[in-house]
């Protein structure tokens, strides 16, 4: 019986993706999206002294949708260049990983 090869999940096949948001008044910031099943606390961002929140993840090439969750509320990424309508009447950011 031939076994299917396992997908290569190493960082060499994935690309570095940085999430950034300036939210100096925020207590917590997370990124979430279809890459993480839209879990509200999927990607925690860390805050610096100037109120900039950042996180880095590695994703395989493809198209993804994401949003931020700031203090428990959905928030847009103001730096997002491309958006897609979602089923809730708002928009998700589009992320293309090549």
N, C-alpha and C. Protein backbone atom coordinates (compact mmCIF):
# COMPACT_ATOMS: atom_id res chain seq x y z
N UNK A 1 0.84 -1.18 0.00
CA UNK A 1 0.00 0.00 0.00
C UNK A 1 0.89 1.24 0.00
N UNK A 2 0.67 2.12 -0.93
CA UNK A 2 1.45 3.36 -1.01
C UNK A 2 0.87 4.41 -0.08
N UNK A 3 1.74 5.01 0.67
CA UNK A 3 1.31 6.08 1.57
C UNK A 3 1.46 7.42 0.87
N UNK A 4 0.51 8.29 1.12
CA UNK A 4 0.60 9.65 0.59
C UNK A 4 1.71 10.38 1.35
N UNK A 5 2.52 11.16 0.65
CA UNK A 5 3.55 11.91 1.37
C UNK A 5 2.92 12.98 2.26
N UNK A 6 3.52 13.17 3.40
CA UNK A 6 3.04 14.20 4.31
C UNK A 6 3.40 15.57 3.76
N UNK A 7 2.51 16.56 3.96
CA UNK A 7 2.86 17.90 3.49
C UNK A 7 4.07 18.44 4.24
N UNK A 8 4.89 19.17 3.54
CA UNK A 8 6.07 19.79 4.15
C UNK A 8 5.63 21.03 4.92
N UNK A 9 5.65 20.96 6.23
CA UNK A 9 5.20 22.08 7.06
C UNK A 9 6.37 22.88 7.62
N UNK A 10 7.53 22.70 7.06
CA UNK A 10 8.70 23.44 7.53
C UNK A 10 8.58 24.90 7.14
N UNK A 11 9.35 25.72 7.80
CA UNK A 11 9.33 27.15 7.52
C UNK A 11 9.86 27.46 6.12
N UNK A 12 10.55 26.51 5.50
CA UNK A 12 11.08 26.78 4.16
C UNK A 12 9.97 26.86 3.13
N UNK A 13 8.83 26.20 3.36
CA UNK A 13 7.72 26.29 2.41
C UNK A 13 6.72 27.35 2.83
N UNK A 14 6.93 27.94 3.94
CA UNK A 14 6.03 28.98 4.43
C UNK A 14 6.71 30.33 4.31
N UNK A 15 5.90 31.36 4.31
CA UNK A 15 6.42 32.72 4.20
C UNK A 15 6.11 33.50 5.47
N UNK A 16 7.03 34.35 5.82
CA UNK A 16 6.87 35.18 7.02
C UNK A 16 5.84 36.27 6.75
N UNK A 17 4.89 36.39 7.66
CA UNK A 17 3.84 37.40 7.56
C UNK A 17 3.83 38.20 8.86
N UNK A 18 3.92 39.51 8.74
CA UNK A 18 3.92 40.37 9.93
C UNK A 18 2.58 41.08 10.03
N UNK A 19 2.02 41.07 11.23
CA UNK A 19 0.79 41.80 11.53
C UNK A 19 1.17 42.98 12.40
N UNK A 20 0.66 44.16 12.05
CA UNK A 20 0.97 45.38 12.81
C UNK A 20 -0.29 46.23 12.95
N UNK A 21 -0.44 46.82 14.12
CA UNK A 21 -1.56 47.74 14.35
C UNK A 21 -1.14 48.76 15.39
N UNK A 22 -1.39 50.03 15.10
CA UNK A 22 -1.13 51.09 16.08
C UNK A 22 -2.42 51.30 16.86
N UNK A 23 -2.40 50.93 18.13
CA UNK A 23 -3.58 51.04 19.00
C UNK A 23 -3.10 51.32 20.42
N UNK A 24 -2.64 52.56 20.69
CA UNK A 24 -2.03 52.87 21.98
C UNK A 24 -2.96 52.72 23.18
N UNK A 25 -4.26 52.82 22.98
CA UNK A 25 -5.20 52.71 24.09
C UNK A 25 -5.64 51.27 24.36
N UNK A 26 -5.29 50.35 23.49
CA UNK A 26 -5.77 48.97 23.59
C UNK A 26 -5.10 48.22 24.74
N UNK A 27 -5.86 47.32 25.32
CA UNK A 27 -5.36 46.42 26.36
C UNK A 27 -4.93 45.08 25.76
N UNK A 28 -5.59 44.66 24.67
CA UNK A 28 -5.24 43.40 24.01
C UNK A 28 -5.56 43.50 22.52
N UNK A 29 -4.71 42.89 21.72
CA UNK A 29 -4.92 42.85 20.27
C UNK A 29 -4.57 41.44 19.78
N UNK A 30 -5.45 40.89 18.97
CA UNK A 30 -5.24 39.59 18.34
C UNK A 30 -5.52 39.72 16.85
N UNK A 31 -4.85 38.91 16.06
CA UNK A 31 -5.20 38.74 14.65
C UNK A 31 -5.88 37.39 14.53
N UNK A 32 -6.87 37.32 13.66
CA UNK A 32 -7.52 36.05 13.38
C UNK A 32 -7.97 36.04 11.94
N UNK A 33 -8.28 34.87 11.45
CA UNK A 33 -8.72 34.76 10.07
C UNK A 33 -8.95 33.32 9.68
N UNK A 34 -9.18 33.13 8.39
CA UNK A 34 -9.49 31.77 7.93
C UNK A 34 -8.31 30.81 8.11
N UNK A 35 -7.10 31.31 8.18
CA UNK A 35 -5.94 30.43 8.42
C UNK A 35 -5.99 29.79 9.80
N UNK A 36 -6.73 30.38 10.72
CA UNK A 36 -6.81 29.89 12.10
C UNK A 36 -8.24 29.58 12.51
N UNK A 37 -9.11 29.36 11.54
CA UNK A 37 -10.49 29.01 11.85
C UNK A 37 -11.27 30.12 12.52
N UNK A 38 -10.84 31.36 12.36
CA UNK A 38 -11.48 32.54 12.94
C UNK A 38 -11.58 32.48 14.47
N UNK A 39 -10.66 31.79 15.10
CA UNK A 39 -10.61 31.79 16.57
C UNK A 39 -10.25 33.19 17.05
N UNK A 40 -11.00 33.71 18.00
CA UNK A 40 -10.85 35.11 18.41
C UNK A 40 -9.47 35.45 18.96
N UNK A 41 -8.81 34.51 19.58
CA UNK A 41 -7.49 34.79 20.17
C UNK A 41 -6.40 33.98 19.47
N UNK A 42 -6.50 33.85 18.16
CA UNK A 42 -5.60 32.99 17.41
C UNK A 42 -4.15 33.47 17.44
N UNK A 43 -3.93 34.75 17.15
CA UNK A 43 -2.57 35.27 17.05
C UNK A 43 -2.44 36.49 17.97
N UNK A 44 -1.88 36.32 19.16
CA UNK A 44 -1.72 37.47 20.05
C UNK A 44 -0.61 38.40 19.54
N UNK A 45 -0.89 39.69 19.55
CA UNK A 45 0.11 40.68 19.19
C UNK A 45 0.72 41.25 20.46
N UNK A 46 1.98 41.66 20.38
CA UNK A 46 2.68 42.24 21.53
C UNK A 46 2.80 43.74 21.34
N UNK A 47 2.65 44.47 22.42
CA UNK A 47 2.66 45.94 22.39
C UNK A 47 4.03 46.47 22.74
N UNK A 48 4.45 47.52 22.01
CA UNK A 48 5.69 48.21 22.37
C UNK A 48 5.34 49.50 23.11
N UNK A 49 6.35 50.26 23.50
CA UNK A 49 6.15 51.46 24.31
C UNK A 49 5.35 52.54 23.59
N UNK A 50 5.35 52.53 22.26
CA UNK A 50 4.63 53.55 21.49
C UNK A 50 3.20 53.14 21.14
N UNK A 51 2.76 51.99 21.61
CA UNK A 51 1.40 51.53 21.32
C UNK A 51 1.26 50.80 20.00
N UNK A 52 2.38 50.35 19.45
CA UNK A 52 2.36 49.53 18.23
C UNK A 52 2.30 48.06 18.62
N UNK A 53 1.37 47.36 18.05
CA UNK A 53 1.18 45.94 18.32
C UNK A 53 1.68 45.14 17.13
N UNK A 54 2.46 44.09 17.37
CA UNK A 54 3.03 43.30 16.28
C UNK A 54 3.04 41.81 16.60
N UNK A 55 2.98 41.03 15.55
CA UNK A 55 3.14 39.57 15.65
C UNK A 55 3.63 39.07 14.30
N UNK A 56 4.38 37.99 14.33
CA UNK A 56 4.87 37.37 13.10
C UNK A 56 4.43 35.91 13.08
N UNK A 57 3.91 35.49 11.94
CA UNK A 57 3.51 34.10 11.73
C UNK A 57 4.09 33.63 10.41
N UNK A 58 4.11 32.33 10.20
CA UNK A 58 4.54 31.75 8.94
C UNK A 58 3.36 31.03 8.31
N UNK A 59 3.06 31.38 7.06
CA UNK A 59 1.92 30.79 6.35
C UNK A 59 2.37 30.24 5.01
N UNK A 60 1.77 29.14 4.57
CA UNK A 60 2.06 28.65 3.23
C UNK A 60 1.48 29.60 2.19
N UNK A 61 2.03 29.58 0.98
CA UNK A 61 1.49 30.45 -0.06
C UNK A 61 -0.01 30.22 -0.26
N UNK A 62 -0.72 31.30 -0.52
CA UNK A 62 -2.16 31.23 -0.74
C UNK A 62 -2.81 32.55 -0.42
N UNK A 63 -4.14 32.58 -0.52
CA UNK A 63 -4.92 33.77 -0.19
C UNK A 63 -5.61 33.54 1.14
N UNK A 64 -5.58 34.55 1.96
CA UNK A 64 -6.17 34.48 3.29
C UNK A 64 -6.99 35.72 3.57
N UNK A 65 -7.96 35.58 4.48
CA UNK A 65 -8.71 36.73 4.98
C UNK A 65 -8.46 36.82 6.47
N UNK A 66 -8.38 38.05 6.98
CA UNK A 66 -8.12 38.23 8.41
C UNK A 66 -8.74 39.53 8.90
N UNK A 67 -8.83 39.64 10.22
CA UNK A 67 -9.24 40.87 10.91
C UNK A 67 -8.52 40.90 12.24
N UNK A 68 -8.55 42.05 12.88
CA UNK A 68 -8.02 42.19 14.23
C UNK A 68 -9.17 42.13 15.22
N UNK A 69 -8.85 41.71 16.44
CA UNK A 69 -9.77 41.76 17.56
C UNK A 69 -9.08 42.62 18.62
N UNK A 70 -9.62 43.81 18.85
CA UNK A 70 -9.02 44.77 19.78
C UNK A 70 -9.94 44.89 20.99
N UNK A 71 -9.43 44.52 22.14
CA UNK A 71 -10.21 44.55 23.38
C UNK A 71 -11.57 43.86 23.21
N UNK A 72 -11.55 42.72 22.51
CA UNK A 72 -12.76 41.92 22.33
C UNK A 72 -13.68 42.37 21.21
N UNK A 73 -13.31 43.42 20.48
CA UNK A 73 -14.15 43.94 19.40
C UNK A 73 -13.44 43.78 18.05
N UNK A 74 -14.19 43.43 17.02
CA UNK A 74 -13.63 43.33 15.69
C UNK A 74 -13.11 44.69 15.25
N UNK A 75 -11.97 44.69 14.58
CA UNK A 75 -11.37 45.94 14.11
C UNK A 75 -10.73 45.72 12.74
N UNK A 76 -10.77 46.76 11.93
CA UNK A 76 -10.15 46.71 10.61
C UNK A 76 -8.66 47.01 10.71
N UNK A 77 -7.93 46.53 9.74
CA UNK A 77 -6.52 46.87 9.59
C UNK A 77 -6.45 48.09 8.68
N UNK A 78 -6.11 49.26 9.20
CA UNK A 78 -6.08 50.46 8.36
C UNK A 78 -5.03 50.39 7.25
N UNK A 79 -4.06 49.51 7.37
CA UNK A 79 -3.01 49.38 6.36
C UNK A 79 -3.38 48.37 5.27
N UNK A 80 -4.53 47.76 5.38
CA UNK A 80 -4.96 46.73 4.43
C UNK A 80 -5.27 47.36 3.07
N UNK A 81 -4.64 46.84 2.03
CA UNK A 81 -4.82 47.39 0.68
C UNK A 81 -5.99 46.75 -0.07
N UNK A 82 -6.33 45.53 0.28
CA UNK A 82 -7.40 44.82 -0.44
C UNK A 82 -8.36 44.21 0.57
N UNK A 83 -9.65 44.35 0.30
CA UNK A 83 -10.68 43.86 1.22
C UNK A 83 -11.70 43.00 0.49
N UNK A 84 -12.39 42.17 1.26
CA UNK A 84 -13.47 41.33 0.72
C UNK A 84 -14.66 41.42 1.66
N UNK A 85 -15.86 41.53 1.09
CA UNK A 85 -17.07 41.55 1.90
C UNK A 85 -17.22 40.23 2.65
N UNK A 86 -17.73 40.33 3.88
CA UNK A 86 -18.01 39.10 4.63
C UNK A 86 -19.51 38.98 4.88
N UNK A 87 -19.92 37.88 5.46
CA UNK A 87 -21.34 37.59 5.66
C UNK A 87 -21.98 38.42 6.77
N UNK A 88 -21.20 39.22 7.47
CA UNK A 88 -21.73 40.01 8.58
C UNK A 88 -21.93 41.48 8.21
N UNK A 89 -21.77 41.81 6.93
CA UNK A 89 -21.99 43.17 6.48
C UNK A 89 -20.78 44.08 6.64
N UNK A 90 -19.66 43.51 6.99
CA UNK A 90 -18.42 44.30 7.07
C UNK A 90 -17.42 43.69 6.08
N UNK A 91 -16.17 44.02 6.23
CA UNK A 91 -15.17 43.52 5.31
C UNK A 91 -13.99 42.91 6.04
N UNK A 92 -13.40 41.91 5.41
CA UNK A 92 -12.17 41.30 5.90
C UNK A 92 -11.01 41.79 5.04
N UNK A 93 -9.84 41.82 5.62
CA UNK A 93 -8.65 42.14 4.86
C UNK A 93 -8.21 40.91 4.08
N UNK A 94 -7.70 41.14 2.90
CA UNK A 94 -7.16 40.06 2.08
C UNK A 94 -5.64 40.06 2.22
N UNK A 95 -5.09 38.89 2.33
CA UNK A 95 -3.65 38.72 2.45
C UNK A 95 -3.22 37.68 1.42
N UNK A 96 -2.31 38.06 0.54
CA UNK A 96 -1.79 37.13 -0.46
C UNK A 96 -0.35 36.78 -0.09
N UNK A 97 -0.14 35.51 0.15
CA UNK A 97 1.20 35.02 0.50
C UNK A 97 1.74 34.31 -0.73
N UNK A 98 2.88 34.79 -1.22
CA UNK A 98 3.48 34.20 -2.44
C UNK A 98 4.81 33.56 -2.13
